[in-house]
Amino acid sequence: MIKETFVPLIMVTNDDGILSHGIQQLAAALMSLGDVVVVAPDRERSAVGHAMTLNHPVRADQISAGRFAVDGTPTDCVNLGIHGLLSRKPDLVVSGINRGSNLADDITYSGTVAAAMEAMLMQVPAVAVSLDVSHLCVDVDYSHACSYAQRVSRQILLHGLPADTFLNLNIPVGIPRGLKITRQGKRIYDNKIELKQDPRGRDYYWLGGNQLGFNRQQDCDCGAIADGFASLTPLHLDLTNYHSMKQLSSWECDV
């Protein structure tokens, strides 16, 4: 009797859009691990965080075999993929490869990270993958990021992940010196907002201040990338500040 071999189903998504080079090369790299289906936004959705579309219908167009373009956010893509488009629940969701790092406080804005977070909420193992490259860079080499994404994905498929955990993988430019298990770091921003005027004299603003650096903390993700290492950070959704609970419990007020 011939035993059937189990083939993992891997869903790939991102926030840079389904036509981005990062997601195309990532999907190709993961094909050696299982069946790959791409469910990604039909255009760039960077910095949308964990937003979900609730005020209008979400549409998905199959642009080729196993490739779906969704007119929604990365979170929409994960929800729609798991609950509507895929033939069965995926064994892994990989989000990326993002053009630009997602480190420290930046992860709260990232649609790339939010997609992996949403998969975790759907009880599917997930990893977000980002390459620390400038948005102004024209020729981007994703080969090393693909290699690390493939290796980490293989380990997830083999060993699974702890409960309520998803991974955030960042890769430096060039050949990484290795991989470090890290914790979320702390960015330093100037919080500058630029006020300008359009040709009709109306004011408009550019948001998102410049990054001035990061606090050098032991085993932090920013430090690993700065030192030339790939950074792998286990994340979860419990945002409780446990150190503050005792202080708040001492408040003398009726709540």
Protein backbone atom coordinates (compact mmCIF):
# COMPACT_ATOMS: atom_id res chain seq x y z
CA MET A 1 0.00 0.00 0.00
CA ILE A 2 1.43 3.38 -1.05
CA LYS A 3 1.41 5.99 1.70
CA GLU A 4 0.34 9.47 0.63
CA THR A 5 2.88 12.21 1.37
CA PHE A 6 1.53 15.26 3.16
CA VAL A 7 2.18 18.49 1.25
CA PRO A 8 1.93 21.68 3.34
CA LEU A 9 -0.23 24.53 2.10
CA ILE A 10 1.52 27.88 2.42
CA MET A 11 -0.29 31.20 1.97
CA VAL A 12 1.83 34.20 1.04
CA THR A 13 0.71 37.80 1.46
CA ASN A 14 2.22 41.27 1.99
CA ASP A 15 1.45 44.99 2.17
CA ASP A 16 3.52 46.09 -0.86
CA GLY A 17 1.01 44.63 -3.32
CA ILE A 18 0.77 41.46 -5.36
CA LEU A 19 3.01 42.83 -8.15
CA SER A 20 5.94 43.64 -5.86
CA HIS A 21 9.23 41.86 -6.51
CA GLY A 22 9.51 40.86 -2.87
CA ILE A 23 6.36 38.74 -2.81
CA GLN A 24 7.06 37.18 -6.20
CA GLN A 25 10.51 36.01 -5.17
CA LEU A 26 9.29 34.87 -1.76
CA ALA A 27 6.54 32.74 -3.30
CA ALA A 28 9.04 31.15 -5.66
CA ALA A 29 11.45 30.38 -2.81
CA LEU A 30 8.74 28.69 -0.73
CA MET A 31 7.59 26.34 -3.50
CA SER A 32 10.21 23.80 -2.43
CA LEU A 33 8.40 23.49 0.92
CA GLY A 34 4.83 22.91 -0.26
CA ASP A 35 1.93 24.23 -2.30
CA VAL A 36 2.00 28.04 -2.39
CA VAL A 37 -1.03 30.29 -2.83
CA VAL A 38 -0.61 34.08 -2.98
CA VAL A 39 -3.41 36.26 -1.58
CA ALA A 40 -2.21 39.86 -1.52
CA PRO A 41 -3.46 43.44 -1.92
CA ASP A 42 -4.01 44.62 -5.46
CA ARG A 43 -1.87 47.71 -4.71
CA GLU A 44 0.49 48.99 -2.03
CA ARG A 45 -1.02 49.09 1.46
CA SER A 46 2.01 50.02 3.52
CA ALA A 47 1.58 51.33 7.08
CA VAL A 48 -2.10 50.35 7.35
CA GLY A 49 -1.39 48.30 10.48
CA HIS A 50 -4.09 45.84 11.51
CA ALA A 51 -6.87 47.64 9.62
CA MET A 52 -9.83 45.61 8.38
CA THR A 53 -12.34 46.68 5.72
CA LEU A 54 -15.82 46.85 7.26
CA ASN A 55 -17.67 49.63 5.40
CA HIS A 56 -17.74 48.15 1.90
CA PRO A 57 -17.42 44.75 0.18
CA VAL A 58 -13.99 43.25 -0.47
CA ARG A 59 -13.30 41.76 -3.89
CA ALA A 60 -10.72 39.20 -4.96
CA ASP A 61 -9.64 38.64 -8.57
CA GLN A 62 -7.77 35.48 -9.55
CA ILE A 63 -5.05 36.84 -11.82
CA SER A 64 -3.43 33.44 -12.42
CA ALA A 65 -3.37 29.95 -10.93
CA GLY A 66 -2.96 30.27 -7.17
CA ARG A 67 -2.67 34.08 -7.30
CA PHE A 68 -5.43 36.33 -5.92
CA ALA A 69 -5.41 40.16 -5.92
CA VAL A 70 -7.60 41.63 -3.15
CA ASP A 71 -8.87 45.21 -3.03
CA GLY A 72 -8.35 45.36 0.72
CA THR A 73 -5.77 45.41 3.48
CA PRO A 74 -3.26 42.68 4.40
CA THR A 75 -5.58 41.69 7.26
CA ASP A 76 -8.43 41.36 4.76
CA CYS A 77 -6.24 39.14 2.60
CA VAL A 78 -5.50 36.73 5.44
CA ASN A 79 -9.16 36.55 6.50
CA LEU A 80 -10.40 36.09 2.97
CA GLY A 81 -7.72 33.57 2.11
CA ILE A 82 -8.29 31.37 5.14
CA HIS A 83 -12.07 31.57 5.19
CA GLY A 84 -12.97 31.89 1.52
CA LEU A 85 -10.32 31.41 -1.14
CA LEU A 86 -8.14 28.49 -0.08
CA SER A 87 -9.21 24.89 -0.49
CA ARG A 88 -8.27 24.19 3.12
CA LYS A 89 -6.75 25.95 6.12
CA PRO A 90 -3.10 26.77 5.40
CA ASP A 91 -0.32 25.19 7.42
CA LEU A 92 1.69 28.42 7.32
CA VAL A 93 1.24 32.09 6.42
CA VAL A 94 4.31 34.04 5.29
CA SER A 95 3.98 37.82 4.89
CA GLY A 96 6.55 39.73 2.82
CA ILE A 97 9.15 40.23 1.69
CA ASN A 98 8.61 43.82 2.74
CA ARG A 99 10.71 46.51 1.06
CA GLY A 100 12.09 48.11 4.22
CA SER A 101 12.57 46.81 7.75
CA ASN A 102 9.86 46.37 10.37
CA LEU A 103 11.68 46.81 13.67
CA ALA A 104 10.98 48.13 17.15
CA ASP A 105 7.93 50.45 17.36
CA ASP A 106 7.49 50.34 13.58
CA ILE A 107 5.76 46.98 13.86
CA THR A 108 2.62 48.69 15.20
CA TYR A 109 2.17 50.44 11.83
CA SER A 110 3.20 47.56 9.60
CA GLY A 111 0.67 45.83 7.39
CA THR A 112 3.28 43.12 6.80
CA VAL A 113 3.45 42.31 10.51
CA ALA A 114 -0.32 42.69 10.94
CA ALA A 115 -0.95 40.01 8.32
CA ALA A 116 1.12 37.52 10.31
CA MET A 117 -0.66 38.65 13.47
CA GLU A 118 -4.05 38.02 11.88
CA ALA A 119 -2.97 34.52 10.85
CA MET A 120 -1.97 33.82 14.45
CA LEU A 121 -5.45 34.92 15.56
CA MET A 122 -6.83 32.40 13.06
CA GLN A 123 -4.58 29.78 14.76
CA VAL A 124 -2.27 29.46 11.76
CA PRO A 125 1.53 29.64 12.29
CA ALA A 126 2.92 32.77 10.68
CA VAL A 127 6.05 34.81 10.04
CA ALA A 128 6.50 38.36 8.71
CA VAL A 129 9.61 38.92 6.57
CA SER A 130 11.24 42.29 5.86
CA LEU A 131 14.44 43.45 4.17
CA ASP A 132 16.27 46.45 5.66
CA VAL A 133 16.63 48.36 2.41
CA SER A 134 15.96 52.01 1.64
CA HIS A 135 12.78 52.80 -0.27
CA LEU A 136 14.97 54.88 -2.60
CA CYS A 137 17.03 51.83 -3.62
CA VAL A 138 16.34 50.86 -7.24
CA ASP A 139 17.98 47.43 -7.53
CA VAL A 140 17.02 45.29 -4.53
CA ASP A 141 18.59 41.87 -3.98
CA TYR A 142 16.03 39.65 -2.20
CA SER A 143 18.05 36.44 -2.50
CA HIS A 144 19.41 36.35 1.06
CA ALA A 145 16.05 37.38 2.51
CA CYS A 146 14.40 34.57 0.52
CA SER A 147 16.96 32.09 1.84
CA TYR A 148 16.34 33.04 5.47
CA ALA A 149 12.56 33.11 4.95
CA GLN A 150 12.72 29.62 3.50
CA ARG A 151 14.88 28.28 6.35
CA VAL A 152 12.68 29.79 9.07
CA SER A 153 9.51 28.58 7.31
CA ARG A 154 10.92 25.05 7.14
CA GLN A 155 11.55 25.10 10.91
CA ILE A 156 8.01 26.31 11.58
CA LEU A 157 6.56 23.52 9.45
CA LEU A 158 8.73 20.96 11.23
CA HIS A 159 8.35 22.15 14.82
CA GLY A 160 5.37 24.51 14.93
CA LEU A 161 5.29 27.64 17.12
CA PRO A 162 4.41 28.23 20.78
CA ALA A 163 0.79 29.16 21.46
CA ASP A 164 -0.18 32.80 20.76
CA THR A 165 3.12 33.45 19.00
CA PHE A 166 4.11 34.64 15.54
CA LEU A 167 7.53 35.60 14.21
CA ASN A 168 9.01 38.82 12.86
CA LEU A 169 12.04 38.20 10.63
CA ASN A 170 14.21 41.09 9.44
CA ILE A 171 17.22 40.70 7.16
CA PRO A 172 20.02 43.25 6.68
CA VAL A 173 21.29 44.37 3.30
CA GLY A 174 24.05 42.14 1.94
CA ILE A 175 25.07 38.75 3.27
CA PRO A 176 23.90 38.34 6.90
CA ARG A 177 26.48 37.34 9.50
CA GLY A 178 23.98 34.85 10.91
CA LEU A 179 20.65 34.80 12.71
CA LYS A 180 19.92 36.16 16.19
CA ILE A 181 16.81 35.58 18.32
CA THR A 182 15.89 39.07 19.45
CA ARG A 183 13.35 41.16 21.32
CA GLN A 184 11.49 44.22 20.09
CA GLY A 185 13.67 47.31 20.33
CA LYS A 186 12.91 51.01 20.77
CA ARG A 187 13.16 53.56 17.96
CA ILE A 188 14.05 57.25 18.35
CA TYR A 189 12.07 59.65 16.13
CA ASP A 190 12.13 63.40 15.60
CA ASN A 191 8.31 63.47 15.13
CA LYS A 192 8.72 66.18 12.55
CA ILE A 193 5.68 67.19 10.50
CA GLU A 194 6.33 69.14 7.32
CA LEU A 195 3.88 71.92 6.45
CA LYS A 196 3.74 72.85 2.76
CA GLN A 197 1.40 74.59 0.33
CA ASP A 198 -0.09 73.35 -2.91
CA PRO A 199 -0.22 75.55 -6.06
CA ARG A 200 -3.58 76.97 -4.89
CA GLY A 201 -2.16 78.11 -1.57
CA ARG A 202 -3.80 75.44 0.58
CA ASP A 203 -1.83 73.87 3.41
CA TYR A 204 -0.95 70.19 3.42
CA TYR A 205 1.24 68.06 5.67
CA TRP A 206 3.79 65.25 5.34
CA LEU A 207 3.57 62.94 8.35
CA GLY A 208 6.00 60.35 9.71
CA GLY A 209 9.13 61.95 11.15
CA ASN A 210 12.66 60.83 10.41
CA GLN A 211 14.25 57.95 12.32
CA LEU A 212 17.17 59.24 14.37
CA GLY A 213 18.30 55.82 15.53
CA PHE A 214 17.44 53.37 18.30
CA ASN A 215 18.17 52.66 21.93
CA ARG A 216 20.99 50.11 22.08
CA GLN A 217 19.44 47.41 24.27
CA GLN A 218 20.66 43.89 24.82
CA ASP A 219 19.40 41.40 22.23
CA CYS A 220 17.15 43.94 20.48
CA ASP A 221 16.11 43.64 16.84
CA CYS A 222 17.54 47.02 15.79
CA GLY A 223 20.93 46.16 17.25
CA ALA A 224 21.08 42.83 15.44
CA ILE A 225 20.33 44.46 12.07
CA ALA A 226 22.83 47.26 12.72
CA ASP A 227 25.49 44.62 13.43
CA GLY A 228 24.73 42.79 10.18
CA PHE A 229 22.70 39.88 11.59
CA ALA A 230 19.24 38.70 10.60
CA SER A 231 16.79 39.28 13.45
CA LEU A 232 14.04 36.83 14.46
CA THR A 233 11.64 38.13 17.10
CA PRO A 234 8.79 36.10 18.63
CA LEU A 235 5.76 38.36 19.08
CA HIS A 236 2.35 38.04 20.69
CA LEU A 237 -0.75 40.16 21.20
CA ASP A 238 -0.78 40.62 24.97
CA LEU A 239 -0.13 44.37 25.30
CA THR A 240 -0.72 44.42 29.05
CA ASN A 241 1.84 46.42 31.02
CA TYR A 242 2.10 44.07 33.96
CA HIS A 243 4.51 46.35 35.83
CA SER A 244 1.79 49.02 35.99
CA MET A 245 -1.00 46.82 37.38
CA LYS A 246 0.18 47.14 40.99
CA GLN A 247 0.43 50.94 40.72
CA LEU A 248 -3.05 51.25 39.23
CA SER A 249 -4.55 49.00 41.89
CA SER A 250 -3.48 51.52 44.53
CA TRP A 251 -5.60 54.30 43.03
CA GLU A 252 -8.19 55.55 45.51
CA CYS A 253 -11.16 55.93 43.25
CA ASP A 254 -14.31 54.05 42.46
CA VAL A 255 -14.11 52.58 39.00
